[in-house]
Amino acid sequence: MITFNVNNGRLLRFYQDKPDGAILIDAGRERDGYRAEYVGYISPGDAVMLYNLYRHIKDNDIQNDFINPEGKNRE
């Protein structure tokens, strides 16, 4: 499991049961015990594409509102 405290007061958690398996995502709040407000999955193929997109944007300093807002280049 990978866990992040998100700036909107939520907790974002990623789970993967086995190599090359789908990634379960849940996001929720830890008020009075944890309560998931969103649950979804990312397929292994989509996870690889997201990583490739991230590396491409960072490696080429491309401006992207989510990944690299201060990027110098436009695609």
PDB file of N, CA and C in Angstrom:
ATOM      1  N   MET A   1       0.849  -1.178   0.000  1.00  0.00           N
ATOM      2  CA  MET A   1       0.000   0.000   0.000  1.00  0.00           C
ATOM      3  C   MET A   1       0.891   1.236   0.000  1.00  0.00           C
ATOM      4  N   ILE A   2       0.477   2.231  -0.769  1.00  0.00           N
ATOM      5  CA  ILE A   2       1.112   3.549  -0.772  1.00  0.00           C
ATOM      6  C   ILE A   2       0.052   4.531  -0.296  1.00  0.00           C
ATOM      7  N   THR A   3       0.414   5.406   0.633  1.00  0.00           N
ATOM      8  CA  THR A   3      -0.541   6.342   1.221  1.00  0.00           C
ATOM      9  C   THR A   3      -0.008   7.763   1.135  1.00  0.00           C
ATOM     10  N   PHE A   4      -0.890   8.701   0.772  1.00  0.00           N
ATOM     11  CA  PHE A   4      -0.548  10.123   0.712  1.00  0.00           C
ATOM     12  C   PHE A   4      -1.591  10.928   1.478  1.00  0.00           C
ATOM     13  N   ASN A   5      -1.135  11.887   2.259  1.00  0.00           N
ATOM     14  CA  ASN A   5      -2.032  12.884   2.827  1.00  0.00           C
ATOM     15  C   ASN A   5      -2.188  13.971   1.779  1.00  0.00           C
ATOM     16  N   VAL A   6      -3.424  14.229   1.361  1.00  0.00           N
ATOM     17  CA  VAL A   6      -3.704  15.172   0.286  1.00  0.00           C
ATOM     18  C   VAL A   6      -4.102  16.508   0.898  1.00  0.00           C
ATOM     19  N   ASN A   7      -3.804  17.598   0.191  1.00  0.00           N
ATOM     20  CA  ASN A   7      -4.012  18.934   0.745  1.00  0.00           C
ATOM     21  C   ASN A   7      -5.481  19.290   0.985  1.00  0.00           C
ATOM     22  N   ASN A   8      -6.420  18.476   0.536  1.00  0.00           N
ATOM     23  CA  ASN A   8      -7.828  18.752   0.816  1.00  0.00           C
ATOM     24  C   ASN A   8      -8.313  18.001   2.052  1.00  0.00           C
ATOM     25  N   GLY A   9      -7.386  17.500   2.843  1.00  0.00           N
ATOM     26  CA  GLY A   9      -7.725  16.811   4.073  1.00  0.00           C
ATOM     27  C   GLY A   9      -8.046  15.334   3.901  1.00  0.00           C
ATOM     28  N   ARG A  10      -7.891  14.828   2.711  1.00  0.00           N
ATOM     29  CA  ARG A  10      -8.173  13.420   2.461  1.00  0.00           C
ATOM     30  C   ARG A  10      -6.902  12.582   2.524  1.00  0.00           C
ATOM     31  N   LEU A  11      -7.123  11.307   2.569  1.00  0.00           N
ATOM     32  CA  LEU A  11      -6.056  10.327   2.515  1.00  0.00           C
ATOM     33  C   LEU A  11      -6.244   9.567   1.207  1.00  0.00           C
ATOM     34  N   LEU A  12      -5.190   9.438   0.422  1.00  0.00           N
ATOM     35  CA  LEU A  12      -5.233   8.746  -0.858  1.00  0.00           C
ATOM     36  C   LEU A  12      -4.402   7.483  -0.713  1.00  0.00           C
ATOM     37  N   ARG A  13      -5.024   6.327  -1.010  1.00  0.00           N
ATOM     38  CA  ARG A  13      -4.337   5.050  -0.818  1.00  0.00           C
ATOM     39  C   ARG A  13      -4.375   4.234  -2.106  1.00  0.00           C
ATOM     40  N   PHE A  14      -3.232   3.613  -2.426  1.00  0.00           N
ATOM     41  CA  PHE A  14      -3.081   2.766  -3.596  1.00  0.00           C
ATOM     42  C   PHE A  14      -2.714   1.360  -3.127  1.00  0.00           C
ATOM     43  N   TYR A  15      -3.386   0.352  -3.668  1.00  0.00           N
ATOM     44  CA  TYR A  15      -3.116  -1.049  -3.331  1.00  0.00           C
ATOM     45  C   TYR A  15      -2.919  -1.846  -4.616  1.00  0.00           C
ATOM     46  N   GLN A  16      -2.000  -2.800  -4.557  1.00  0.00           N
ATOM     47  CA  GLN A  16      -1.853  -3.747  -5.648  1.00  0.00           C
ATOM     48  C   GLN A  16      -1.604  -5.112  -5.025  1.00  0.00           C
ATOM     49  N   ASP A  17      -2.463  -6.085  -5.341  1.00  0.00           N
ATOM     50  CA  ASP A  17      -2.374  -7.413  -4.734  1.00  0.00           C
ATOM     51  C   ASP A  17      -1.254  -8.268  -5.299  1.00  0.00           C
ATOM     52  N   LYS A  18      -0.940  -8.077  -6.597  1.00  0.00           N
ATOM     53  CA  LYS A  18       0.074  -8.930  -7.231  1.00  0.00           C
ATOM     54  C   LYS A  18       0.754  -8.143  -8.345  1.00  0.00           C
ATOM     55  N   PRO A  19       1.986  -8.533  -8.714  1.00  0.00           N
ATOM     56  CA  PRO A  19       2.655  -7.866  -9.821  1.00  0.00           C
ATOM     57  C   PRO A  19       1.782  -7.910 -11.078  1.00  0.00           C
ATOM     58  N   ASP A  20       1.761  -6.815 -11.800  1.00  0.00           N
ATOM     59  CA  ASP A  20       0.992  -6.678 -13.034  1.00  0.00           C
ATOM     60  C   ASP A  20      -0.515  -6.777 -12.805  1.00  0.00           C
ATOM     61  N   GLY A  21      -0.948  -6.542 -11.574  1.00  0.00           N
ATOM     62  CA  GLY A  21      -2.376  -6.539 -11.269  1.00  0.00           C
ATOM     63  C   GLY A  21      -2.921  -5.122 -11.286  1.00  0.00           C
ATOM     64  N   ALA A  22      -4.244  -5.014 -11.282  1.00  0.00           N
ATOM     65  CA  ALA A  22      -4.893  -3.706 -11.227  1.00  0.00           C
ATOM     66  C   ALA A  22      -4.532  -3.009  -9.915  1.00  0.00           C
ATOM     67  N   ILE A  23      -4.560  -1.694  -9.944  1.00  0.00           N
ATOM     68  CA  ILE A  23      -4.268  -0.890  -8.757  1.00  0.00           C
ATOM     69  C   ILE A  23      -5.594  -0.362  -8.226  1.00  0.00           C
ATOM     70  N   LEU A  24      -5.914  -0.710  -6.990  1.00  0.00           N
ATOM     71  CA  LEU A  24      -7.102  -0.193  -6.325  1.00  0.00           C
ATOM     72  C   LEU A  24      -6.751   1.140  -5.694  1.00  0.00           C
ATOM     73  N   ILE A  25      -7.601   2.129  -5.903  1.00  0.00           N
ATOM     74  CA  ILE A  25      -7.396   3.456  -5.317  1.00  0.00           C
ATOM     75  C   ILE A  25      -8.595   3.759  -4.442  1.00  0.00           C
ATOM     76  N   ASP A  26      -8.337   4.231  -3.247  1.00  0.00           N
ATOM     77  CA  ASP A  26      -9.431   4.801  -2.471  1.00  0.00           C
ATOM     78  C   ASP A  26      -8.988   6.110  -1.861  1.00  0.00           C
ATOM     79  N   ALA A  27      -9.929   7.018  -1.765  1.00  0.00           N
ATOM     80  CA  ALA A  27      -9.683   8.332  -1.186  1.00  0.00           C
ATOM     81  C   ALA A  27     -10.781   8.583  -0.171  1.00  0.00           C
ATOM     82  N   GLY A  28     -10.395   9.065   0.976  1.00  0.00           N
ATOM     83  CA  GLY A  28     -11.390   9.314   2.006  1.00  0.00           C
ATOM     84  C   GLY A  28     -10.839  10.166   3.115  1.00  0.00           C
ATOM     85  N   ARG A  29     -11.602  10.239   4.165  1.00  0.00           N
ATOM     86  CA  ARG A  29     -11.248  11.067   5.316  1.00  0.00           C
ATOM     87  C   ARG A  29     -11.091  10.200   6.562  1.00  0.00           C
ATOM     88  N   GLU A  30     -10.256  10.673   7.468  1.00  0.00           N
ATOM     89  CA  GLU A  30     -10.026   9.934   8.708  1.00  0.00           C
ATOM     90  C   GLU A  30     -10.742  10.580   9.885  1.00  0.00           C
ATOM     91  N   ARG A  31     -11.959  11.006   9.676  1.00  0.00           N
ATOM     92  CA  ARG A  31     -12.761  11.520  10.778  1.00  0.00           C
ATOM     93  C   ARG A  31     -13.533  10.363  11.373  1.00  0.00           C
ATOM     94  N   ASP A  32     -13.424  10.165  12.668  1.00  0.00           N
ATOM     95  CA  ASP A  32     -14.160   9.081  13.340  1.00  0.00           C
ATOM     96  C   ASP A  32     -13.932   7.738  12.647  1.00  0.00           C
ATOM     97  N   GLY A  33     -12.686   7.455  12.325  1.00  0.00           N
ATOM     98  CA  GLY A  33     -12.361   6.239  11.584  1.00  0.00           C
ATOM     99  C   GLY A  33     -12.365   6.545  10.098  1.00  0.00           C
ATOM    100  N   TYR A  34     -11.682   5.761   9.338  1.00  0.00           N
ATOM    101  CA  TYR A  34     -11.532   6.031   7.911  1.00  0.00           C
ATOM    102  C   TYR A  34     -12.826   5.712   7.165  1.00  0.00           C
ATOM    103  N   ARG A  35     -13.214   6.602   6.277  1.00  0.00           N
ATOM    104  CA  ARG A  35     -14.381   6.380   5.419  1.00  0.00           C
ATOM    105  C   ARG A  35     -13.995   6.720   3.983  1.00  0.00           C
ATOM    106  N   ALA A  36     -13.986   5.716   3.095  1.00  0.00           N
ATOM    107  CA  ALA A  36     -13.648   5.955   1.695  1.00  0.00           C
ATOM    108  C   ALA A  36     -14.789   6.702   1.014  1.00  0.00           C
ATOM    109  N   GLU A  37     -14.439   7.781   0.304  1.00  0.00           N
ATOM    110  CA  GLU A  37     -15.427   8.561  -0.445  1.00  0.00           C
ATOM    111  C   GLU A  37     -15.327   8.292  -1.941  1.00  0.00           C
ATOM    112  N   TYR A  38     -14.254   7.659  -2.367  1.00  0.00           N
ATOM    113  CA  TYR A  38     -14.067   7.296  -3.775  1.00  0.00           C
ATOM    114  C   TYR A  38     -13.292   5.993  -3.814  1.00  0.00           C
ATOM    115  N   VAL A  39     -13.711   5.084  -4.657  1.00  0.00           N
ATOM    116  CA  VAL A  39     -12.973   3.847  -4.887  1.00  0.00           C
ATOM    117  C   VAL A  39     -12.941   3.610  -6.390  1.00  0.00           C
ATOM    118  N   GLY A  40     -11.766   3.307  -6.918  1.00  0.00           N
ATOM    119  CA  GLY A  40     -11.627   3.049  -8.342  1.00  0.00           C
ATOM    120  C   GLY A  40     -10.410   2.182  -8.608  1.00  0.00           C
ATOM    121  N   TYR A  41     -10.232   1.834  -9.861  1.00  0.00           N
ATOM    122  CA  TYR A  41      -9.119   0.985 -10.271  1.00  0.00           C
ATOM    123  C   TYR A  41      -8.378   1.627 -11.429  1.00  0.00           C
ATOM    124  N   ILE A  42      -7.071   1.388 -11.493  1.00  0.00           N
ATOM    125  CA  ILE A  42      -6.248   1.731 -12.647  1.00  0.00           C
ATOM    126  C   ILE A  42      -5.701   0.412 -13.181  1.00  0.00           C
ATOM    127  N   SER A  43      -5.908   0.181 -14.465  1.00  0.00           N
ATOM    128  CA  SER A  43      -5.379  -1.056 -15.058  1.00  0.00           C
ATOM    129  C   SER A  43      -3.853  -0.960 -15.143  1.00  0.00           C
ATOM    130  N   PRO A  44      -3.165  -2.101 -15.195  1.00  0.00           N
ATOM    131  CA  PRO A  44      -1.709  -2.065 -15.334  1.00  0.00           C
ATOM    132  C   PRO A  44      -1.260  -1.281 -16.567  1.00  0.00           C
ATOM    133  N   GLY A  45      -1.946  -1.464 -17.696  1.00  0.00           N
ATOM    134  CA  GLY A  45      -1.581  -0.745 -18.915  1.00  0.00           C
ATOM    135  C   GLY A  45      -1.731   0.759 -18.768  1.00  0.00           C
ATOM    136  N   ASP A  46      -2.819   1.193 -18.125  1.00  0.00           N
ATOM    137  CA  ASP A  46      -3.017   2.631 -17.905  1.00  0.00           C
ATOM    138  C   ASP A  46      -1.970   3.191 -16.947  1.00  0.00           C
ATOM    139  N   ALA A  47      -1.575   2.420 -15.936  1.00  0.00           N
ATOM    140  CA  ALA A  47      -0.546   2.875 -15.001  1.00  0.00           C
ATOM    141  C   ALA A  47       0.776   3.100 -15.740  1.00  0.00           C
ATOM    142  N   VAL A  48       1.117   2.207 -16.651  1.00  0.00           N
ATOM    143  CA  VAL A  48       2.345   2.363 -17.433  1.00  0.00           C
ATOM    144  C   VAL A  48       2.245   3.599 -18.321  1.00  0.00           C
ATOM    145  N   MET A  49       1.089   3.806 -18.967  1.00  0.00           N
ATOM    146  CA  MET A  49       0.925   4.987 -19.819  1.00  0.00           C
ATOM    147  C   MET A  49       0.995   6.272 -19.005  1.00  0.00           C
ATOM    148  N   LEU A  50       0.429   6.283 -17.796  1.00  0.00           N
ATOM    149  CA  LEU A  50       0.513   7.470 -16.944  1.00  0.00           C
ATOM    150  C   LEU A  50       1.961   7.775 -16.572  1.00  0.00           C
ATOM    151  N   TYR A  51       2.717   6.739 -16.250  1.00  0.00           N
ATOM    152  CA  TYR A  51       4.138   6.928 -15.945  1.00  0.00           C
ATOM    153  C   TYR A  51       4.885   7.469 -17.163  1.00  0.00           C
ATOM    154  N   ASN A  52       4.623   6.888 -18.346  1.00  0.00           N
ATOM    155  CA  ASN A  52       5.293   7.350 -19.560  1.00  0.00           C
ATOM    156  C   ASN A  52       4.951   8.806 -19.865  1.00  0.00           C
ATOM    157  N   LEU A  53       3.694   9.199 -19.679  1.00  0.00           N
ATOM    158  CA  LEU A  53       3.282  10.589 -19.875  1.00  0.00           C
ATOM    159  C   LEU A  53       4.021  11.510 -18.902  1.00  0.00           C
ATOM    160  N   TYR A  54       4.078  11.116 -17.636  1.00  0.00           N
ATOM    161  CA  TYR A  54       4.781  11.903 -16.617  1.00  0.00           C
ATOM    162  C   TYR A  54       6.249  12.107 -17.004  1.00  0.00           C
ATOM    163  N   ARG A  55       6.940  11.018 -17.372  1.00  0.00           N
ATOM    164  CA  ARG A  55       8.362  11.114 -17.740  1.00  0.00           C
ATOM    165  C   ARG A  55       8.540  12.000 -18.968  1.00  0.00           C
ATOM    166  N   HIS A  56       7.695  11.866 -19.977  1.00  0.00           N
ATOM    167  CA  HIS A  56       7.794  12.667 -21.194  1.00  0.00           C
ATOM    168  C   HIS A  56       7.660  14.156 -20.876  1.00  0.00           C
ATOM    169  N   ILE A  57       6.676  14.497 -20.067  1.00  0.00           N
ATOM    170  CA  ILE A  57       6.462  15.905 -19.706  1.00  0.00           C
ATOM    171  C   ILE A  57       7.633  16.447 -18.903  1.00  0.00           C
ATOM    172  N   LYS A  58       8.106  15.706 -17.929  1.00  0.00           N
ATOM    173  CA  LYS A  58       9.228  16.160 -17.108  1.00  0.00           C
ATOM    174  C   LYS A  58      10.537  16.225 -17.899  1.00  0.00           C
ATOM    175  N   ASP A  59      10.817  15.172 -18.659  1.00  0.00           N
ATOM    176  CA  ASP A  59      12.084  15.111 -19.400  1.00  0.00           C
ATOM    177  C   ASP A  59      12.196  16.209 -20.453  1.00  0.00           C
ATOM    178  N   ASN A  60      11.066  16.624 -21.018  1.00  0.00           N
ATOM    179  CA  ASN A  60      11.067  17.628 -22.080  1.00  0.00           C
ATOM    180  C   ASN A  60      10.597  18.999 -21.602  1.00  0.00           C
ATOM    181  N   ASP A  61      10.434  19.169 -20.295  1.00  0.00           N
ATOM    182  CA  ASP A  61      10.014  20.425 -19.661  1.00  0.00           C
ATOM    183  C   ASP A  61       8.792  21.029 -20.360  1.00  0.00           C
ATOM    184  N   ILE A  62       7.790  20.182 -20.588  1.00  0.00           N
ATOM    185  CA  ILE A  62       6.566  20.605 -21.258  1.00  0.00           C
ATOM    186  C   ILE A  62       5.604  21.195 -20.226  1.00  0.00           C
ATOM    187  N   GLN A  63       4.999  22.318 -20.566  1.00  0.00           N
ATOM    188  CA  GLN A  63       4.022  22.931 -19.679  1.00  0.00           C
ATOM    189  C   GLN A  63       2.774  22.056 -19.645  1.00  0.00           C
ATOM    190  N   ASN A  64       2.368  21.691 -18.444  1.00  0.00           N
ATOM    191  CA  ASN A  64       1.162  20.902 -18.217  1.00  0.00           C
ATOM    192  C   ASN A  64       0.572  21.368 -16.898  1.00  0.00           C
ATOM    193  N   ASP A  65      -0.698  21.733 -16.881  1.00  0.00           N
ATOM    194  CA  ASP A  65      -1.310  22.312 -15.683  1.00  0.00           C
ATOM    195  C   ASP A  65      -1.215  21.414 -14.456  1.00  0.00           C
ATOM    196  N   PHE A  66      -1.217  20.110 -14.638  1.00  0.00           N
ATOM    197  CA  PHE A  66      -1.197  19.194 -13.500  1.00  0.00           C
ATOM    198  C   PHE A  66       0.205  18.736 -13.132  1.00  0.00           C
ATOM    199  N   ILE A  67       1.011  18.395 -14.120  1.00  0.00           N
ATOM    200  CA  ILE A  67       2.305  17.755 -13.853  1.00  0.00           C
ATOM    201  C   ILE A  67       3.442  18.775 -13.792  1.00  0.00           C
ATOM    202  N   ASN A  68       3.439  19.780 -14.665  1.00  0.00           N
ATOM    203  CA  ASN A  68       4.580  20.687 -14.763  1.00  0.00           C
ATOM    204  C   ASN A  68       4.073  22.091 -15.141  1.00  0.00           C
ATOM    205  N   PRO A  69       3.382  22.779 -14.217  1.00  0.00           N
ATOM    206  CA  PRO A  69       2.774  24.073 -14.559  1.00  0.00           C
ATOM    207  C   PRO A  69       3.786  25.136 -14.993  1.00  0.00           C
ATOM    208  N   GLU A  70       5.027  25.030 -14.558  1.00  0.00           N
ATOM    209  CA  GLU A  70       6.037  26.025 -14.911  1.00  0.00           C
ATOM    210  C   GLU A  70       6.883  25.588 -16.098  1.00  0.00           C
ATOM    211  N   GLY A  71       6.467  24.568 -16.814  1.00  0.00           N
ATOM    212  CA  GLY A  71       7.231  24.067 -17.949  1.00  0.00           C
ATOM    213  C   GLY A  71       7.444  25.129 -19.012  1.00  0.00           C
ATOM    214  N   LYS A  72       8.575  25.060 -19.683  1.00  0.00           N
ATOM    215  CA  LYS A  72       8.964  26.076 -20.671  1.00  0.00           C
ATOM    216  C   LYS A  72       8.422  25.789 -22.065  1.00  0.00           C
ATOM    217  N   ASN A  73       8.166  24.523 -22.366  1.00  0.00           N
ATOM    218  CA  ASN A  73       7.783  24.130 -23.721  1.00  0.00           C
ATOM    219  C   ASN A  73       6.302  23.781 -23.797  1.00  0.00           C
ATOM    220  N   ARG A  74       5.738  24.003 -24.970  1.00  0.00           N
ATOM    221  CA  ARG A  74       4.352  23.604 -25.221  1.00  0.00           C
ATOM    222  C   ARG A  74       4.351  22.518 -26.260  1.00  0.00           C
ATOM    223  N   GLU A  75       3.412  21.610 -26.128  1.00  0.00           N
ATOM    224  CA  GLU A  75       3.331  20.512 -27.088  1.00  0.00           C
ATOM    225  C   GLU A  75       2.232  20.788 -28.081  1.00  0.00           C
TER     226      GLU A  75
END
